[in-house]
Amino acid sequence: MKALLKLEEILMFVLGIYLFGMLDYAWWWFLVLILAPDIGMIGYLFGNKIGAVGYNLFHHKGVAIAVYLLGNYLSLPLWQLTGIILFSHSAMDRVFGYGLKYDKGFAFTHLGKIRTKDG
């Protein structure tokens, strides 16, 4: 089942690349921006609860889809780009086992606990 879920996330990442290709941006923008949603980790400087909220805001696929659809409806390519980057990044993270965070700490996700060097 784990392999099937990873395959699903890989296909969602590919969908993000496809949607990006439909926009009028140079391909290098995708490469430059794909890690930008990790800015949400800054919240962890203020504690686990704020960190989890900030991280989840930038890594929730529902938020990503809403931003993209709003951009599509209002004909705002920058919003479409933002939604695609958020969506693609979230799919990429989930391939590597990084899920939405619980407020217990960064390692506690909806996909299970992330292994750290401490165990």
C-alpha atoms as a PDB file:
ATOM      1  CA  MET A   1       0.000   0.000   0.000  1.00  0.00           C
ATOM      2  CA  LYS A   2       2.865   2.361   0.795  1.00  0.00           C
ATOM      3  CA  ALA A   3       4.224   2.004  -2.738  1.00  0.00           C
ATOM      4  CA  LEU A   4       0.781   2.722  -4.192  1.00  0.00           C
ATOM      5  CA  LEU A   5       0.505   5.927  -2.140  1.00  0.00           C
ATOM      6  CA  LYS A   6       3.970   7.037  -3.256  1.00  0.00           C
ATOM      7  CA  LEU A   7       3.020   6.359  -6.872  1.00  0.00           C
ATOM      8  CA  GLU A   8      -0.108   8.468  -6.403  1.00  0.00           C
ATOM      9  CA  GLU A   9       1.994  11.359  -5.068  1.00  0.00           C
ATOM     10  CA  ILE A  10       4.485  11.018  -7.936  1.00  0.00           C
ATOM     11  CA  LEU A  11       1.609  11.241 -10.407  1.00  0.00           C
ATOM     12  CA  MET A  12       0.301  14.352  -8.614  1.00  0.00           C
ATOM     13  CA  PHE A  13       3.774  15.871  -8.928  1.00  0.00           C
ATOM     14  CA  VAL A  14       3.714  15.080 -12.645  1.00  0.00           C
ATOM     15  CA  LEU A  15       0.277  16.747 -12.849  1.00  0.00           C
ATOM     16  CA  GLY A  16       1.816  19.850 -11.263  1.00  0.00           C
ATOM     17  CA  ILE A  17       4.559  19.857 -13.898  1.00  0.00           C
ATOM     18  CA  TYR A  18       1.936  19.501 -16.631  1.00  0.00           C
ATOM     19  CA  LEU A  19      -0.138  22.387 -15.241  1.00  0.00           C
ATOM     20  CA  PHE A  20       2.993  24.509 -14.930  1.00  0.00           C
ATOM     21  CA  GLY A  21       3.737  23.811 -18.585  1.00  0.00           C
ATOM     22  CA  MET A  22       0.373  25.327 -19.503  1.00  0.00           C
ATOM     23  CA  LEU A  23       1.408  28.660 -17.963  1.00  0.00           C
ATOM     24  CA  ASP A  24       3.500  31.268 -19.720  1.00  0.00           C
ATOM     25  CA  TYR A  25       6.549  31.020 -17.441  1.00  0.00           C
ATOM     26  CA  ALA A  26      10.059  29.823 -18.266  1.00  0.00           C
ATOM     27  CA  TRP A  27      10.785  26.306 -16.970  1.00  0.00           C
ATOM     28  CA  TRP A  28      13.565  27.523 -14.698  1.00  0.00           C
ATOM     29  CA  TRP A  29      10.904  29.230 -12.524  1.00  0.00           C
ATOM     30  CA  PHE A  30       9.588  25.798 -11.514  1.00  0.00           C
ATOM     31  CA  LEU A  31      13.064  24.699 -10.431  1.00  0.00           C
ATOM     32  CA  VAL A  32      13.697  27.924  -8.518  1.00  0.00           C
ATOM     33  CA  LEU A  33      10.322  27.943  -6.736  1.00  0.00           C
ATOM     34  CA  ILE A  34       9.749  24.252  -5.977  1.00  0.00           C
ATOM     35  CA  LEU A  35      11.339  24.521  -2.514  1.00  0.00           C
ATOM     36  CA  ALA A  36       9.816  27.921  -1.684  1.00  0.00           C
ATOM     37  CA  PRO A  37       6.870  26.483   0.341  1.00  0.00           C
ATOM     38  CA  ASP A  38       9.371  25.322   2.963  1.00  0.00           C
ATOM     39  CA  ILE A  39       9.362  28.949   4.129  1.00  0.00           C
ATOM     40  CA  GLY A  40       6.451  27.733   6.261  1.00  0.00           C
ATOM     41  CA  MET A  41       8.972  26.047   8.566  1.00  0.00           C
ATOM     42  CA  ILE A  42       9.986  29.452   9.934  1.00  0.00           C
ATOM     43  CA  GLY A  43       7.027  29.193  12.302  1.00  0.00           C
ATOM     44  CA  TYR A  44       8.914  26.527  14.256  1.00  0.00           C
ATOM     45  CA  LEU A  45      11.117  29.327  15.592  1.00  0.00           C
ATOM     46  CA  PHE A  46       8.060  30.330  17.651  1.00  0.00           C
ATOM     47  CA  GLY A  47       7.128  26.870  18.903  1.00  0.00           C
ATOM     48  CA  ASN A  48       5.565  23.651  17.700  1.00  0.00           C
ATOM     49  CA  LYS A  49       1.973  24.906  17.480  1.00  0.00           C
ATOM     50  CA  ILE A  50       2.769  27.989  15.359  1.00  0.00           C
ATOM     51  CA  GLY A  51       5.262  25.927  13.371  1.00  0.00           C
ATOM     52  CA  ALA A  52       2.669  23.267  12.546  1.00  0.00           C
ATOM     53  CA  VAL A  53       0.099  25.890  11.481  1.00  0.00           C
ATOM     54  CA  GLY A  54       2.625  27.708   9.271  1.00  0.00           C
ATOM     55  CA  TYR A  55       3.975  24.519   7.757  1.00  0.00           C
ATOM     56  CA  ASN A  56       0.516  23.094   7.092  1.00  0.00           C
ATOM     57  CA  LEU A  57      -0.688  26.327   5.483  1.00  0.00           C
ATOM     58  CA  PHE A  58       2.046  26.016   2.849  1.00  0.00           C
ATOM     59  CA  HIS A  59       1.751  22.231   2.468  1.00  0.00           C
ATOM     60  CA  HIS A  60      -2.012  21.606   2.362  1.00  0.00           C
ATOM     61  CA  LYS A  61      -3.159  20.490  -1.072  1.00  0.00           C
ATOM     62  CA  GLY A  62      -6.635  21.955  -0.475  1.00  0.00           C
ATOM     63  CA  VAL A  63      -5.080  25.401  -0.009  1.00  0.00           C
ATOM     64  CA  ALA A  64      -2.976  24.868  -3.124  1.00  0.00           C
ATOM     65  CA  ILE A  65      -5.980  23.875  -5.225  1.00  0.00           C
ATOM     66  CA  ALA A  66      -8.047  26.799  -3.906  1.00  0.00           C
ATOM     67  CA  VAL A  67      -5.272  29.280  -4.775  1.00  0.00           C
ATOM     68  CA  TYR A  68      -4.898  27.774  -8.255  1.00  0.00           C
ATOM     69  CA  LEU A  69      -8.648  27.764  -8.951  1.00  0.00           C
ATOM     70  CA  LEU A  70      -9.044  31.339  -7.719  1.00  0.00           C
ATOM     71  CA  GLY A  71      -6.172  32.373  -9.965  1.00  0.00           C
ATOM     72  CA  ASN A  72      -7.760  30.531 -12.853  1.00  0.00           C
ATOM     73  CA  TYR A  73     -11.177  32.112 -12.239  1.00  0.00           C
ATOM     74  CA  LEU A  74      -9.753  35.632 -11.885  1.00  0.00           C
ATOM     75  CA  SER A  75      -7.215  35.129 -14.714  1.00  0.00           C
ATOM     76  CA  LEU A  76      -4.276  35.771 -12.395  1.00  0.00           C
ATOM     77  CA  PRO A  77      -1.317  33.709 -13.670  1.00  0.00           C
ATOM     78  CA  LEU A  78       0.778  34.471 -10.561  1.00  0.00           C
ATOM     79  CA  TRP A  79      -1.906  32.896  -8.358  1.00  0.00           C
ATOM     80  CA  GLN A  80      -2.093  29.927 -10.692  1.00  0.00           C
ATOM     81  CA  LEU A  81       1.676  29.573 -10.457  1.00  0.00           C
ATOM     82  CA  THR A  82       1.536  29.816  -6.667  1.00  0.00           C
ATOM     83  CA  GLY A  83      -1.141  27.118  -6.471  1.00  0.00           C
ATOM     84  CA  ILE A  84       0.804  24.817  -8.786  1.00  0.00           C
ATOM     85  CA  ILE A  85       4.031  25.264  -6.828  1.00  0.00           C
ATOM     86  CA  LEU A  86       2.265  24.637  -3.499  1.00  0.00           C
ATOM     87  CA  PHE A  87       0.552  21.534  -4.910  1.00  0.00           C
ATOM     88  CA  SER A  88       3.671  20.140  -6.579  1.00  0.00           C
ATOM     89  CA  HIS A  89       5.835  20.751  -3.522  1.00  0.00           C
ATOM     90  CA  SER A  90       3.310  19.036  -1.253  1.00  0.00           C
ATOM     91  CA  ALA A  91       3.198  15.990  -3.526  1.00  0.00           C
ATOM     92  CA  MET A  92       7.009  15.884  -3.679  1.00  0.00           C
ATOM     93  CA  ASP A  93       7.268  16.104   0.113  1.00  0.00           C
ATOM     94  CA  ARG A  94       4.813  13.251   0.574  1.00  0.00           C
ATOM     95  CA  VAL A  95       6.819  11.027  -1.751  1.00  0.00           C
ATOM     96  CA  PHE A  96       9.649  11.417   0.789  1.00  0.00           C
ATOM     97  CA  GLY A  97       7.347  10.837   3.781  1.00  0.00           C
ATOM     98  CA  TYR A  98       6.868  14.433   4.928  1.00  0.00           C
ATOM     99  CA  GLY A  99       3.213  14.975   5.727  1.00  0.00           C
ATOM    100  CA  LEU A 100       1.113  17.616   7.414  1.00  0.00           C
ATOM    101  CA  LYS A 101       2.371  18.330  10.916  1.00  0.00           C
ATOM    102  CA  TYR A 102       0.856  17.813  14.336  1.00  0.00           C
ATOM    103  CA  ASP A 103       1.664  20.353  17.039  1.00  0.00           C
ATOM    104  CA  LYS A 104       3.690  17.780  19.003  1.00  0.00           C
ATOM    105  CA  GLY A 105       6.759  18.588  16.906  1.00  0.00           C
ATOM    106  CA  PHE A 106       8.140  18.621  13.385  1.00  0.00           C
ATOM    107  CA  ALA A 107       8.649  14.852  13.266  1.00  0.00           C
ATOM    108  CA  PHE A 108       4.962  14.074  13.945  1.00  0.00           C
ATOM    109  CA  THR A 109       2.983  13.976  10.677  1.00  0.00           C
ATOM    110  CA  HIS A 110      -0.256  12.581   9.333  1.00  0.00           C
ATOM    111  CA  LEU A 111       1.874   9.982   7.520  1.00  0.00           C
ATOM    112  CA  GLY A 112       3.551   8.844  10.729  1.00  0.00           C
ATOM    113  CA  LYS A 113       6.634   9.885  12.641  1.00  0.00           C
ATOM    114  CA  ILE A 114       9.575  11.038  10.559  1.00  0.00           C
ATOM    115  CA  ARG A 115      12.790   9.277  11.452  1.00  0.00           C
ATOM    116  CA  THR A 116      15.365  11.593  12.929  1.00  0.00           C
ATOM    117  CA  LYS A 117      18.996  10.934  13.720  1.00  0.00           C
ATOM    118  CA  ASP A 118      17.906  10.556  17.377  1.00  0.00           C
ATOM    119  CA  GLY A 119      15.555   7.714  16.493  1.00  0.00           C
END
